[in-house]
């Protein structure tokens, strides 16, 4: 066997994992969120910049504000998911670099003094961390429903600020009845991997 990860874990994280569209009403606890974050924070990013920021939408009032900004097909599942998270990229992540990269604190000013450079780095690395977050949700035995069908500018204005760029909204919880659409095809290795 080429993979050292237990086959059941491989299934949990990848093969059997699906994007959920319905959820039970079982709550997602703060302890589960803490466990997910404590796992996924170790995923690598360039310069350890860690620009992902997570906004948990727990209050009913905030949930309704968010639902109104979602694409029509995403509204019902966002309204009923036990927990909703807005994932964003912190474009001022460089302020944390002296603590996150103590052996090279000058990286903050040497590489990230200009806002356009920071925005590009934050986008790439926070998106990478969002992938870790989805796998972490699955590792907690929960289903994730990541979505990019929403009004990005309105979500930024309503829930974030000019220094945070929204990436996706993720519904989180135990999958409910008829939670899955049929699995879509995937590309095969020879369609993706080239050796030079």
N, C-alpha and C. Protein backbone atom coordinates (compact mmCIF):
# COMPACT_ATOMS: atom_id res chain seq x y z
N UNK A 1 0.84 -1.18 0.00
CA UNK A 1 0.00 0.00 0.00
C UNK A 1 0.88 1.25 0.00
N UNK A 2 0.58 2.20 -0.86
CA UNK A 2 1.42 3.38 -1.04
C UNK A 2 1.15 4.48 -0.02
N UNK A 3 -0.02 4.48 0.61
CA UNK A 3 -0.36 5.51 1.59
C UNK A 3 -0.26 4.94 3.00
N UNK A 4 0.33 5.70 3.91
CA UNK A 4 0.46 5.22 5.29
C UNK A 4 -0.78 5.54 6.12
N UNK A 5 -1.62 6.45 5.68
CA UNK A 5 -2.83 6.79 6.40
C UNK A 5 -3.83 5.64 6.31
N UNK A 6 -4.43 5.28 7.43
CA UNK A 6 -5.39 4.20 7.49
C UNK A 6 -6.48 4.39 6.42
N UNK A 7 -6.87 3.30 5.72
CA UNK A 7 -7.90 3.44 4.67
C UNK A 7 -9.20 4.07 5.16
N UNK A 8 -9.59 3.79 6.41
CA UNK A 8 -10.82 4.41 6.93
C UNK A 8 -10.65 5.92 7.04
N UNK A 9 -9.47 6.37 7.43
CA UNK A 9 -9.21 7.81 7.50
C UNK A 9 -9.17 8.42 6.10
N UNK A 10 -8.61 7.68 5.14
CA UNK A 10 -8.59 8.16 3.75
C UNK A 10 -10.03 8.37 3.25
N UNK A 11 -10.91 7.42 3.58
CA UNK A 11 -12.30 7.54 3.18
C UNK A 11 -12.97 8.73 3.86
N UNK A 12 -12.73 8.87 5.18
CA UNK A 12 -13.34 9.94 5.95
C UNK A 12 -12.95 11.31 5.40
N UNK A 13 -11.69 11.46 5.05
CA UNK A 13 -11.18 12.77 4.64
C UNK A 13 -11.39 13.05 3.15
N UNK A 14 -11.41 11.99 2.31
CA UNK A 14 -11.43 12.21 0.87
C UNK A 14 -12.46 11.37 0.12
N UNK A 15 -12.31 10.06 0.08
CA UNK A 15 -13.11 9.24 -0.82
C UNK A 15 -14.61 9.28 -0.53
N UNK A 16 -14.97 9.20 0.73
CA UNK A 16 -16.39 9.19 1.09
C UNK A 16 -16.91 10.58 1.49
N UNK A 17 -16.00 11.51 1.70
CA UNK A 17 -16.41 12.86 2.11
C UNK A 17 -17.10 13.57 0.95
N UNK A 18 -18.12 14.32 1.29
CA UNK A 18 -18.90 15.01 0.27
C UNK A 18 -19.28 16.39 0.76
N UNK A 19 -19.62 17.25 -0.15
CA UNK A 19 -20.17 18.56 0.19
C UNK A 19 -21.63 18.39 0.59
N UNK A 20 -21.93 18.70 1.84
CA UNK A 20 -23.30 18.52 2.34
C UNK A 20 -24.19 19.69 1.94
N UNK A 21 -25.43 19.35 1.61
CA UNK A 21 -26.43 20.36 1.25
C UNK A 21 -27.58 20.43 2.24
N UNK A 22 -27.68 19.42 3.12
CA UNK A 22 -28.63 19.46 4.23
C UNK A 22 -27.89 19.00 5.48
N UNK A 23 -28.42 19.41 6.63
CA UNK A 23 -27.77 19.10 7.90
C UNK A 23 -28.81 18.73 8.94
N UNK A 24 -28.39 17.93 9.92
CA UNK A 24 -29.25 17.70 11.09
C UNK A 24 -29.21 18.96 11.94
N UNK A 25 -30.00 18.99 13.00
CA UNK A 25 -29.98 20.16 13.89
C UNK A 25 -29.01 19.99 15.05
N UNK A 26 -28.18 18.93 15.02
CA UNK A 26 -27.18 18.75 16.07
C UNK A 26 -26.18 19.90 16.03
N UNK A 27 -25.98 20.59 17.15
CA UNK A 27 -25.10 21.76 17.13
C UNK A 27 -23.64 21.39 16.93
N UNK A 28 -22.88 22.35 16.41
CA UNK A 28 -21.42 22.25 16.35
C UNK A 28 -20.91 23.06 17.54
N UNK A 29 -20.16 22.39 18.41
CA UNK A 29 -19.75 23.02 19.67
C UNK A 29 -18.48 23.84 19.51
N UNK A 30 -18.25 24.71 20.47
CA UNK A 30 -17.00 25.46 20.50
C UNK A 30 -15.81 24.53 20.65
N UNK A 31 -16.00 23.42 21.37
CA UNK A 31 -14.93 22.44 21.54
C UNK A 31 -14.56 21.79 20.20
N UNK A 32 -15.56 21.52 19.37
CA UNK A 32 -15.28 20.96 18.05
C UNK A 32 -14.53 21.97 17.19
N UNK A 33 -14.97 23.23 17.23
CA UNK A 33 -14.28 24.27 16.45
C UNK A 33 -12.84 24.40 16.92
N UNK A 34 -12.63 24.39 18.24
CA UNK A 34 -11.27 24.48 18.78
C UNK A 34 -10.41 23.31 18.31
N UNK A 35 -10.97 22.10 18.34
CA UNK A 35 -10.23 20.91 17.91
C UNK A 35 -9.87 20.99 16.43
N UNK A 36 -10.81 21.46 15.61
CA UNK A 36 -10.55 21.62 14.18
C UNK A 36 -9.41 22.61 13.98
N UNK A 37 -9.50 23.77 14.62
CA UNK A 37 -8.46 24.78 14.43
C UNK A 37 -7.11 24.29 14.96
N UNK A 38 -7.12 23.62 16.11
CA UNK A 38 -5.86 23.14 16.68
C UNK A 38 -5.17 22.12 15.78
N UNK A 39 -5.92 21.47 14.92
CA UNK A 39 -5.33 20.55 13.94
C UNK A 39 -4.84 21.28 12.71
N UNK A 40 -5.70 22.10 12.12
CA UNK A 40 -5.39 22.67 10.80
C UNK A 40 -4.39 23.83 10.87
N UNK A 41 -4.17 24.40 12.04
CA UNK A 41 -3.21 25.50 12.13
C UNK A 41 -1.79 25.07 11.78
N UNK A 42 -1.54 23.76 11.78
CA UNK A 42 -0.20 23.26 11.46
C UNK A 42 0.05 23.09 9.97
N UNK A 43 -0.97 23.27 9.15
CA UNK A 43 -0.76 23.18 7.70
C UNK A 43 0.19 24.29 7.24
N UNK A 44 1.10 23.99 6.33
CA UNK A 44 2.11 24.98 5.94
C UNK A 44 1.57 26.12 5.08
N UNK A 45 2.16 27.29 5.29
CA UNK A 45 1.97 28.45 4.43
C UNK A 45 3.33 29.09 4.20
N UNK A 46 3.47 29.86 3.14
CA UNK A 46 4.73 30.52 2.84
C UNK A 46 5.08 31.49 3.97
N UNK A 47 6.31 31.46 4.43
CA UNK A 47 6.78 32.32 5.52
C UNK A 47 5.94 32.14 6.79
N UNK A 48 5.21 31.03 6.89
CA UNK A 48 4.33 30.79 8.03
C UNK A 48 3.35 31.95 8.22
N UNK A 49 2.95 32.57 7.12
CA UNK A 49 2.18 33.81 7.23
C UNK A 49 0.77 33.63 7.76
N UNK A 50 0.17 32.46 7.62
CA UNK A 50 -1.12 32.13 8.26
C UNK A 50 -2.17 33.24 8.13
N UNK A 51 -2.55 33.62 6.92
CA UNK A 51 -3.47 34.75 6.75
C UNK A 51 -4.96 34.41 6.86
N UNK A 52 -5.30 33.14 7.01
CA UNK A 52 -6.73 32.78 7.08
C UNK A 52 -7.35 33.35 8.35
N UNK A 53 -8.52 33.94 8.20
CA UNK A 53 -9.33 34.38 9.33
C UNK A 53 -10.71 33.76 9.18
N UNK A 54 -11.29 33.38 10.31
CA UNK A 54 -12.56 32.65 10.33
C UNK A 54 -13.56 33.43 11.17
N UNK A 55 -14.68 33.77 10.57
CA UNK A 55 -15.76 34.44 11.27
C UNK A 55 -16.91 33.45 11.42
N UNK A 56 -17.20 33.06 12.66
CA UNK A 56 -18.31 32.14 12.92
C UNK A 56 -19.61 32.94 13.01
N UNK A 57 -20.59 32.51 12.25
CA UNK A 57 -21.89 33.18 12.24
C UNK A 57 -22.83 32.34 13.10
N UNK A 58 -23.00 32.73 14.35
CA UNK A 58 -23.79 31.94 15.29
C UNK A 58 -25.14 32.56 15.63
N UNK A 59 -25.23 33.88 15.69
CA UNK A 59 -26.51 34.50 16.08
C UNK A 59 -27.51 34.43 14.93
N UNK A 60 -28.78 34.33 15.28
CA UNK A 60 -29.84 34.28 14.27
C UNK A 60 -29.88 35.57 13.45
N UNK A 61 -29.64 36.69 14.12
CA UNK A 61 -29.67 37.98 13.43
C UNK A 61 -28.55 38.05 12.38
N UNK A 62 -27.36 37.64 12.74
CA UNK A 62 -26.25 37.64 11.79
C UNK A 62 -26.49 36.62 10.67
N UNK A 63 -27.08 35.48 11.03
CA UNK A 63 -27.37 34.45 10.04
C UNK A 63 -28.31 34.99 8.97
N UNK A 64 -29.34 35.69 9.38
CA UNK A 64 -30.30 36.22 8.40
C UNK A 64 -29.65 37.28 7.52
N UNK A 65 -28.77 38.09 8.09
CA UNK A 65 -28.06 39.07 7.26
C UNK A 65 -27.21 38.35 6.21
N UNK A 66 -26.56 37.26 6.61
CA UNK A 66 -25.73 36.52 5.66
C UNK A 66 -26.58 35.83 4.61
N UNK A 67 -27.66 35.20 5.03
CA UNK A 67 -28.53 34.48 4.08
C UNK A 67 -28.97 35.40 2.95
N UNK A 68 -29.29 36.64 3.27
CA UNK A 68 -29.72 37.59 2.26
C UNK A 68 -28.64 37.94 1.24
N UNK A 69 -27.40 37.64 1.56
CA UNK A 69 -26.28 37.94 0.66
C UNK A 69 -25.82 36.71 -0.14
N UNK A 70 -26.43 35.57 0.15
CA UNK A 70 -26.07 34.33 -0.54
C UNK A 70 -26.85 34.21 -1.85
N UNK A 71 -26.28 33.49 -2.81
CA UNK A 71 -27.02 33.17 -4.03
C UNK A 71 -28.27 32.38 -3.64
N UNK A 72 -29.30 32.49 -4.44
CA UNK A 72 -30.59 31.87 -4.11
C UNK A 72 -30.45 30.38 -3.77
N UNK A 73 -29.67 29.66 -4.53
CA UNK A 73 -29.51 28.22 -4.30
C UNK A 73 -28.76 27.88 -3.03
N UNK A 74 -28.12 28.85 -2.42
CA UNK A 74 -27.36 28.61 -1.19
C UNK A 74 -28.07 29.12 0.06
N UNK A 75 -29.21 29.76 -0.10
CA UNK A 75 -29.86 30.41 1.04
C UNK A 75 -30.45 29.42 2.04
N UNK A 76 -31.21 28.44 1.57
CA UNK A 76 -31.90 27.53 2.50
C UNK A 76 -30.89 26.74 3.32
N UNK A 77 -29.86 26.21 2.69
CA UNK A 77 -28.90 25.40 3.45
C UNK A 77 -28.06 26.25 4.40
N UNK A 78 -27.83 27.50 4.04
CA UNK A 78 -27.11 28.40 4.95
C UNK A 78 -27.99 28.78 6.14
N UNK A 79 -29.27 28.91 5.89
CA UNK A 79 -30.21 29.24 6.97
C UNK A 79 -30.32 28.10 7.99
N UNK A 80 -30.20 26.85 7.55
CA UNK A 80 -30.47 25.71 8.43
C UNK A 80 -29.23 24.97 8.92
N UNK A 81 -28.05 25.30 8.42
CA UNK A 81 -26.84 24.62 8.89
C UNK A 81 -26.60 24.94 10.37
N UNK A 82 -26.11 23.98 11.14
CA UNK A 82 -25.84 24.24 12.56
C UNK A 82 -24.82 25.35 12.78
N UNK A 83 -23.84 25.46 11.90
CA UNK A 83 -22.83 26.50 12.03
C UNK A 83 -22.43 26.96 10.63
N UNK A 84 -22.20 28.25 10.51
CA UNK A 84 -21.73 28.83 9.25
C UNK A 84 -20.46 29.62 9.55
N UNK A 85 -19.46 29.45 8.70
CA UNK A 85 -18.20 30.19 8.86
C UNK A 85 -17.91 30.97 7.58
N UNK A 86 -17.49 32.21 7.76
CA UNK A 86 -16.98 33.01 6.65
C UNK A 86 -15.48 32.95 6.73
N UNK A 87 -14.84 32.45 5.67
CA UNK A 87 -13.38 32.37 5.61
C UNK A 87 -12.87 33.54 4.80
N UNK A 88 -11.88 34.23 5.34
CA UNK A 88 -11.34 35.40 4.66
C UNK A 88 -9.82 35.42 4.76
N UNK A 89 -9.22 36.25 3.91
CA UNK A 89 -7.77 36.45 3.89
C UNK A 89 -7.47 37.79 4.55
N UNK A 90 -6.58 37.77 5.54
CA UNK A 90 -6.16 38.98 6.23
C UNK A 90 -5.02 39.61 5.43
N UNK A 91 -5.30 40.74 4.80
CA UNK A 91 -4.29 41.40 3.97
C UNK A 91 -3.25 42.16 4.79
N UNK A 92 -3.42 42.19 6.08
CA UNK A 92 -2.43 42.79 6.98
C UNK A 92 -1.74 41.72 7.83
N UNK A 93 -1.70 40.49 7.29
CA UNK A 93 -1.09 39.36 8.01
C UNK A 93 0.36 39.63 8.40
N UNK A 94 1.03 40.51 7.65
CA UNK A 94 2.46 40.75 7.87
C UNK A 94 2.75 41.29 9.27
N UNK A 95 1.74 41.90 9.91
CA UNK A 95 1.95 42.41 11.26
C UNK A 95 2.21 41.29 12.27
N UNK A 96 1.78 40.07 11.94
CA UNK A 96 2.01 38.92 12.83
C UNK A 96 3.32 38.20 12.53
N UNK A 97 3.99 38.55 11.44
CA UNK A 97 5.18 37.80 11.04
C UNK A 97 6.32 37.81 12.06
N UNK A 98 6.60 38.90 12.76
CA UNK A 98 7.67 38.82 13.75
C UNK A 98 7.44 37.73 14.80
N UNK A 99 6.19 37.47 15.16
CA UNK A 99 5.89 36.40 16.11
C UNK A 99 5.84 35.03 15.43
N UNK A 100 5.32 35.00 14.19
CA UNK A 100 5.16 33.72 13.50
C UNK A 100 6.46 33.25 12.83
N UNK A 101 7.36 34.15 12.58
CA UNK A 101 8.63 33.81 11.91
C UNK A 101 9.78 34.44 12.72
N UNK A 102 9.95 34.02 13.98
CA UNK A 102 10.90 34.71 14.86
C UNK A 102 12.35 34.65 14.39
N UNK A 103 12.69 33.64 13.58
CA UNK A 103 14.07 33.55 13.10
C UNK A 103 14.34 34.48 11.92
N UNK A 104 13.28 35.10 11.37
CA UNK A 104 13.43 36.00 10.23
C UNK A 104 12.39 37.12 10.31
N UNK A 105 12.38 37.90 11.38
CA UNK A 105 11.34 38.92 11.55
C UNK A 105 11.39 40.02 10.50
N UNK A 106 12.54 40.21 9.88
CA UNK A 106 12.64 41.26 8.86
C UNK A 106 11.86 40.93 7.59
N UNK A 107 11.34 39.71 7.47
CA UNK A 107 10.51 39.35 6.32
C UNK A 107 9.31 40.26 6.20
N UNK A 108 8.81 40.73 7.34
CA UNK A 108 7.64 41.62 7.34
C UNK A 108 7.85 42.81 6.42
N UNK A 109 8.98 43.47 6.56
CA UNK A 109 9.26 44.67 5.76
C UNK A 109 10.00 44.36 4.47
N UNK A 110 10.79 43.30 4.48
CA UNK A 110 11.59 42.97 3.30
C UNK A 110 10.73 42.49 2.13
N UNK A 111 9.69 41.69 2.43
CA UNK A 111 8.89 41.09 1.38
C UNK A 111 7.45 41.60 1.31
N UNK A 112 6.92 42.14 2.40
CA UNK A 112 5.49 42.41 2.45
C UNK A 112 5.15 43.86 2.81
N UNK A 113 6.02 44.78 2.47
CA UNK A 113 5.75 46.18 2.81
C UNK A 113 4.70 46.80 1.89
N UNK A 114 4.50 46.24 0.70
CA UNK A 114 3.54 46.81 -0.26
C UNK A 114 2.23 46.03 -0.26
N UNK A 115 1.13 46.75 -0.22
CA UNK A 115 -0.20 46.14 -0.10
C UNK A 115 -0.51 45.16 -1.24
N UNK A 116 -0.24 45.48 -2.53
CA UNK A 116 -0.56 44.50 -3.58
C UNK A 116 0.16 43.17 -3.40
N UNK A 117 1.39 43.21 -2.93
CA UNK A 117 2.15 41.97 -2.68
C UNK A 117 1.48 41.18 -1.56
N UNK A 118 1.06 41.88 -0.50
CA UNK A 118 0.39 41.22 0.62
C UNK A 118 -0.94 40.60 0.18
N UNK A 119 -1.69 41.33 -0.62
CA UNK A 119 -2.99 40.82 -1.06
C UNK A 119 -2.84 39.52 -1.85
N UNK A 120 -1.85 39.48 -2.72
CA UNK A 120 -1.63 38.26 -3.51
C UNK A 120 -1.19 37.11 -2.62
N UNK A 121 -0.26 37.38 -1.71
CA UNK A 121 0.21 36.33 -0.79
C UNK A 121 -0.92 35.86 0.11
N UNK A 122 -1.71 36.79 0.61
CA UNK A 122 -2.82 36.43 1.50
C UNK A 122 -3.84 35.57 0.77
N UNK A 123 -4.16 35.93 -0.48
CA UNK A 123 -5.13 35.17 -1.26
C UNK A 123 -4.68 33.73 -1.46
N UNK A 124 -3.43 33.56 -1.90
CA UNK A 124 -2.92 32.22 -2.17
C UNK A 124 -2.86 31.38 -0.89
N UNK A 125 -2.29 31.94 0.16
CA UNK A 125 -2.05 31.15 1.36
C UNK A 125 -3.30 30.95 2.21
N UNK A 126 -4.21 31.92 2.24
CA UNK A 126 -5.47 31.72 2.96
C UNK A 126 -6.35 30.71 2.23
N UNK A 127 -6.31 30.70 0.91
CA UNK A 127 -7.06 29.69 0.15
C UNK A 127 -6.51 28.30 0.45
N UNK A 128 -5.19 28.19 0.53
CA UNK A 128 -4.57 26.93 0.92
C UNK A 128 -5.06 26.51 2.30
N UNK A 129 -5.08 27.44 3.25
CA UNK A 129 -5.56 27.14 4.60
C UNK A 129 -7.04 26.78 4.61
N UNK A 130 -7.82 27.36 3.72
CA UNK A 130 -9.24 27.01 3.64
C UNK A 130 -9.39 25.53 3.28
N UNK A 131 -8.54 25.04 2.39
CA UNK A 131 -8.55 23.60 2.08
C UNK A 131 -8.23 22.77 3.31
N UNK A 132 -7.24 23.19 4.09
CA UNK A 132 -6.94 22.49 5.34
C UNK A 132 -8.16 22.50 6.25
N UNK A 133 -8.83 23.64 6.32
CA UNK A 133 -9.99 23.78 7.21
C UNK A 133 -11.08 22.79 6.82
N UNK A 134 -11.36 22.66 5.55
CA UNK A 134 -12.38 21.71 5.08
C UNK A 134 -12.01 20.29 5.50
N UNK A 135 -10.75 19.90 5.31
CA UNK A 135 -10.31 18.56 5.71
C UNK A 135 -10.39 18.42 7.23
N UNK A 136 -10.09 19.49 7.98
CA UNK A 136 -10.20 19.44 9.43
C UNK A 136 -11.64 19.24 9.89
N UNK A 137 -12.59 19.88 9.22
CA UNK A 137 -14.01 19.68 9.54
C UNK A 137 -14.36 18.21 9.33
N UNK A 138 -13.89 17.63 8.25
CA UNK A 138 -14.15 16.22 7.99
C UNK A 138 -13.49 15.34 9.05
N UNK A 139 -12.29 15.70 9.50
CA UNK A 139 -11.59 14.93 10.52
C UNK A 139 -12.36 14.94 11.84
N UNK A 140 -13.18 15.95 12.06
CA UNK A 140 -14.01 16.03 13.26
C UNK A 140 -15.30 15.23 13.12
N UNK A 141 -15.46 14.53 11.99
CA UNK A 141 -16.68 13.75 11.77
C UNK A 141 -17.86 14.58 11.32
N UNK A 142 -17.58 15.78 10.84
CA UNK A 142 -18.63 16.68 10.36
C UNK A 142 -18.53 16.82 8.85
N UNK A 143 -19.56 17.39 8.27
CA UNK A 143 -19.56 17.66 6.84
C UNK A 143 -19.40 19.16 6.63
N UNK A 144 -18.70 19.51 5.57
CA UNK A 144 -18.51 20.91 5.20
C UNK A 144 -19.21 21.16 3.87
N UNK A 145 -19.84 22.31 3.79
CA UNK A 145 -20.48 22.73 2.54
C UNK A 145 -19.90 24.05 2.10
N UNK A 146 -18.71 24.04 1.46
CA UNK A 146 -18.10 25.31 1.03
C UNK A 146 -18.83 25.90 -0.17
N UNK A 147 -18.97 27.23 -0.16
CA UNK A 147 -19.70 27.92 -1.22
C UNK A 147 -19.00 29.23 -1.57
N UNK A 148 -19.00 29.54 -2.85
CA UNK A 148 -18.53 30.85 -3.30
C UNK A 148 -19.66 31.62 -3.99
N UNK A 149 -20.86 31.09 -3.89
CA UNK A 149 -22.03 31.76 -4.47
C UNK A 149 -22.63 32.75 -3.48
N UNK A 150 -22.04 33.94 -3.43
CA UNK A 150 -22.55 35.01 -2.57
C UNK A 150 -22.00 36.33 -3.07
N UNK A 151 -22.54 37.41 -2.56
CA UNK A 151 -22.10 38.75 -2.93
C UNK A 151 -20.85 39.09 -2.11
N UNK A 152 -19.68 38.94 -2.72
CA UNK A 152 -18.40 39.11 -2.01
C UNK A 152 -18.27 40.51 -1.42
N UNK A 153 -18.59 41.53 -2.20
CA UNK A 153 -18.43 42.90 -1.71
C UNK A 153 -19.37 43.16 -0.53
N UNK A 154 -20.60 42.65 -0.62
CA UNK A 154 -21.56 42.88 0.46
C UNK A 154 -21.17 42.12 1.72
N UNK A 155 -20.66 40.90 1.58
CA UNK A 155 -20.22 40.13 2.75
C UNK A 155 -19.04 40.83 3.41
N UNK A 156 -18.12 41.34 2.60
CA UNK A 156 -17.00 42.08 3.17
C UNK A 156 -17.49 43.29 3.95
N UNK A 157 -18.40 44.04 3.37
CA UNK A 157 -18.91 45.25 4.02
C UNK A 157 -19.70 44.92 5.28
N UNK A 158 -20.48 43.86 5.24
CA UNK A 158 -21.38 43.53 6.35
C UNK A 158 -20.67 42.85 7.51
N UNK A 159 -19.65 42.00 7.20
CA UNK A 159 -19.06 41.17 8.25
C UNK A 159 -17.57 41.38 8.47
N UNK A 160 -16.89 42.00 7.52
CA UNK A 160 -15.44 42.11 7.61
C UNK A 160 -15.04 43.58 7.58
N UNK A 161 -13.89 43.87 7.02
CA UNK A 161 -13.45 45.25 6.81
C UNK A 161 -12.56 45.28 5.58
N UNK A 162 -12.00 46.43 5.28
CA UNK A 162 -11.22 46.58 4.05
C UNK A 162 -9.93 45.77 4.06
N UNK A 163 -9.51 45.32 5.23
CA UNK A 163 -8.28 44.54 5.33
C UNK A 163 -8.50 43.04 5.20
N UNK A 164 -9.76 42.61 5.08
CA UNK A 164 -10.08 41.19 4.98
C UNK A 164 -10.88 40.93 3.71
N UNK A 165 -10.38 40.00 2.89
CA UNK A 165 -11.03 39.64 1.64
C UNK A 165 -11.76 38.32 1.82
N UNK A 166 -13.09 38.28 1.63
CA UNK A 166 -13.80 37.00 1.78
C UNK A 166 -13.38 36.01 0.70
N UNK A 167 -13.27 34.75 1.12
CA UNK A 167 -12.89 33.67 0.20
C UNK A 167 -14.06 32.73 -0.07
N UNK A 168 -14.73 32.32 1.00
CA UNK A 168 -15.84 31.38 0.88
C UNK A 168 -16.65 31.39 2.16
N UNK A 169 -17.86 30.87 2.04
CA UNK A 169 -18.72 30.62 3.18
C UNK A 169 -18.85 29.10 3.28
N UNK A 170 -18.74 28.57 4.51
CA UNK A 170 -18.81 27.12 4.69
C UNK A 170 -19.89 26.79 5.71
N UNK A 171 -20.86 25.98 5.30
CA UNK A 171 -21.84 25.42 6.22
C UNK A 171 -21.22 24.17 6.85
N UNK A 172 -21.43 24.00 8.16
CA UNK A 172 -20.77 22.93 8.90
C UNK A 172 -21.80 22.23 9.78
N UNK A 173 -21.74 20.89 9.80
CA UNK A 173 -22.59 20.12 10.69
C UNK A 173 -22.64 18.67 10.29
N UNK A 174 -23.49 17.92 10.98
CA UNK A 174 -23.73 16.52 10.62
C UNK A 174 -24.65 16.51 9.41
N UNK A 175 -24.33 15.69 8.40
CA UNK A 175 -25.18 15.68 7.20
C UNK A 175 -26.59 15.22 7.52
N UNK A 176 -27.56 15.86 6.87
CA UNK A 176 -28.96 15.51 7.06
C UNK A 176 -29.46 14.57 5.98
N UNK A 177 -30.77 14.47 5.90
CA UNK A 177 -31.41 13.59 4.92
C UNK A 177 -31.16 14.13 3.50
N UNK A 178 -30.84 13.23 2.58
CA UNK A 178 -30.57 13.60 1.19
C UNK A 178 -29.55 14.73 1.09
N UNK A 179 -28.45 14.57 1.84
CA UNK A 179 -27.44 15.63 1.93
C UNK A 179 -26.58 15.76 0.68
N UNK A 180 -26.50 14.69 -0.12
CA UNK A 180 -25.51 14.67 -1.19
C UNK A 180 -26.13 14.75 -2.57
N UNK A 181 -25.51 15.52 -3.42
CA UNK A 181 -25.77 15.40 -4.85
C UNK A 181 -24.96 14.22 -5.36
N UNK A 182 -25.29 13.65 -6.53
CA UNK A 182 -24.43 12.59 -7.08
C UNK A 182 -23.00 13.11 -7.25
N UNK A 183 -22.04 12.22 -6.97
CA UNK A 183 -20.64 12.64 -7.07
C UNK A 183 -20.29 12.96 -8.52
N UNK A 184 -19.66 14.09 -8.73
CA UNK A 184 -19.22 14.49 -10.06
C UNK A 184 -17.92 13.78 -10.41
N UNK A 185 -17.64 13.62 -11.70
CA UNK A 185 -16.40 12.95 -12.11
C UNK A 185 -15.16 13.74 -11.67
N UNK A 186 -14.04 13.04 -11.62
CA UNK A 186 -12.75 13.65 -11.33
C UNK A 186 -11.81 13.35 -12.50
N UNK A 187 -10.84 14.20 -12.70
CA UNK A 187 -9.83 13.97 -13.73
C UNK A 187 -8.93 12.83 -13.32
N UNK A 188 -8.45 12.09 -14.30
CA UNK A 188 -7.51 11.00 -14.03
C UNK A 188 -6.08 11.53 -14.01
N UNK A 189 -5.20 10.72 -13.46
CA UNK A 189 -3.80 11.14 -13.28
C UNK A 189 -3.16 11.63 -14.58
N UNK A 190 -3.38 10.92 -15.67
CA UNK A 190 -2.72 11.32 -16.93
C UNK A 190 -3.28 12.61 -17.51
N UNK A 191 -4.41 13.07 -16.99
CA UNK A 191 -4.98 14.35 -17.42
C UNK A 191 -4.45 15.51 -16.59
N UNK A 192 -3.76 15.21 -15.51
CA UNK A 192 -3.34 16.23 -14.56
C UNK A 192 -1.83 16.30 -14.40
N UNK A 193 -1.18 15.16 -14.36
CA UNK A 193 0.24 15.10 -14.02
C UNK A 193 1.08 14.97 -15.28
N UNK A 194 2.06 15.86 -15.39
CA UNK A 194 3.01 15.83 -16.49
C UNK A 194 4.40 15.68 -15.89
N UNK A 195 5.21 14.84 -16.49
CA UNK A 195 6.59 14.68 -16.04
C UNK A 195 7.50 15.29 -17.08
N UNK A 196 8.45 16.11 -16.65
CA UNK A 196 9.40 16.74 -17.58
C UNK A 196 10.82 16.34 -17.25
